[in-house]
Amino acid sequence: MLTLVMVTLPLAAVVRGHARAEAALARGAAIVAFSDDAILSKTLDGIITSWNAGAERLYGYSAREAIGQPISMLVPPERADELPKILARLARGEHVNHYETVRRTKDGRLLDVSVTVSPTLDASGRIFGASSIARDITARKEIEAANHERDALRSVASLAAAAAHEINNPLAVVVGQAQLLDDAVDPSGRRRIAEILEAAQRIEAILARMKRITRIELMQKSVDLPETLDIRKSSEPGAGNG
């Protein structure tokens, strides 16, 4: 009886250990299945071996369509050189963390994604494949691009305001002196002064347009900045008089 008890106790511990391991595997499988991220696995040759629902939503391929296909089907031609480098790093046991790149969906759209790739080991510690987690960062990239454009436009606005101020002061002197000379010259001279004053008005119209830049809402898509800054258009006779 004592021997039976001694054998039964370790066996019960083994059973409990297996149960805990199976529960952990089940939890892991559920996380993969219901994750919003695209989670997939592949061989070291780049052949897809698993594909979760997040990958279906992100890339548009069903698991049946994707499994067995080369991972290169997601890589745009202009980024084809990325894949061999990543696979080589995985074969050396290296991890690729939060690598920002571009991937192509089933319908041909290009997505900005952040990818983390880790080597997969068997029971003996040998690398036999890789797991990949990809997250769509297209919205974040669009916000970053919009912020960059906004900052650039603010720099232009600041430069335009400074330039307008620097030009306006000497221009006022030119206009004032030309008006004083108008009574002191002959008709031929008055025609020349009129041409000077007309040119000065065109410059004033340009300055007015430049000052407008400092007052516009830079994030409004309705603002046509190229037209606002078109000096050739602004300098045409009659510009700014409408």
Foldseek 3Di string as FASTA:
>chain_A
DVVVVVVVVVVVVVVVVVVVVVVVVVVVVVCQQPPLWWKWKDWLVQATAATHPNNCVPQVDDRVRRHRHGPCQFPPPVCSVVVVVVSVCQQVQHKDFQDWDWTAHPVGDIFTKGKIKGFDADPVRHTTIIMMIIDTCRVVVVVVVLVVQLVVLVVQLVVLLVVLVVVVVVLVVLLVVLVVCCVVDDPVSVVVSVVVVQQSVLVVQLSVLSNVSNVDDSNDPPDDVVVSNVSVQSRPRPHNVD
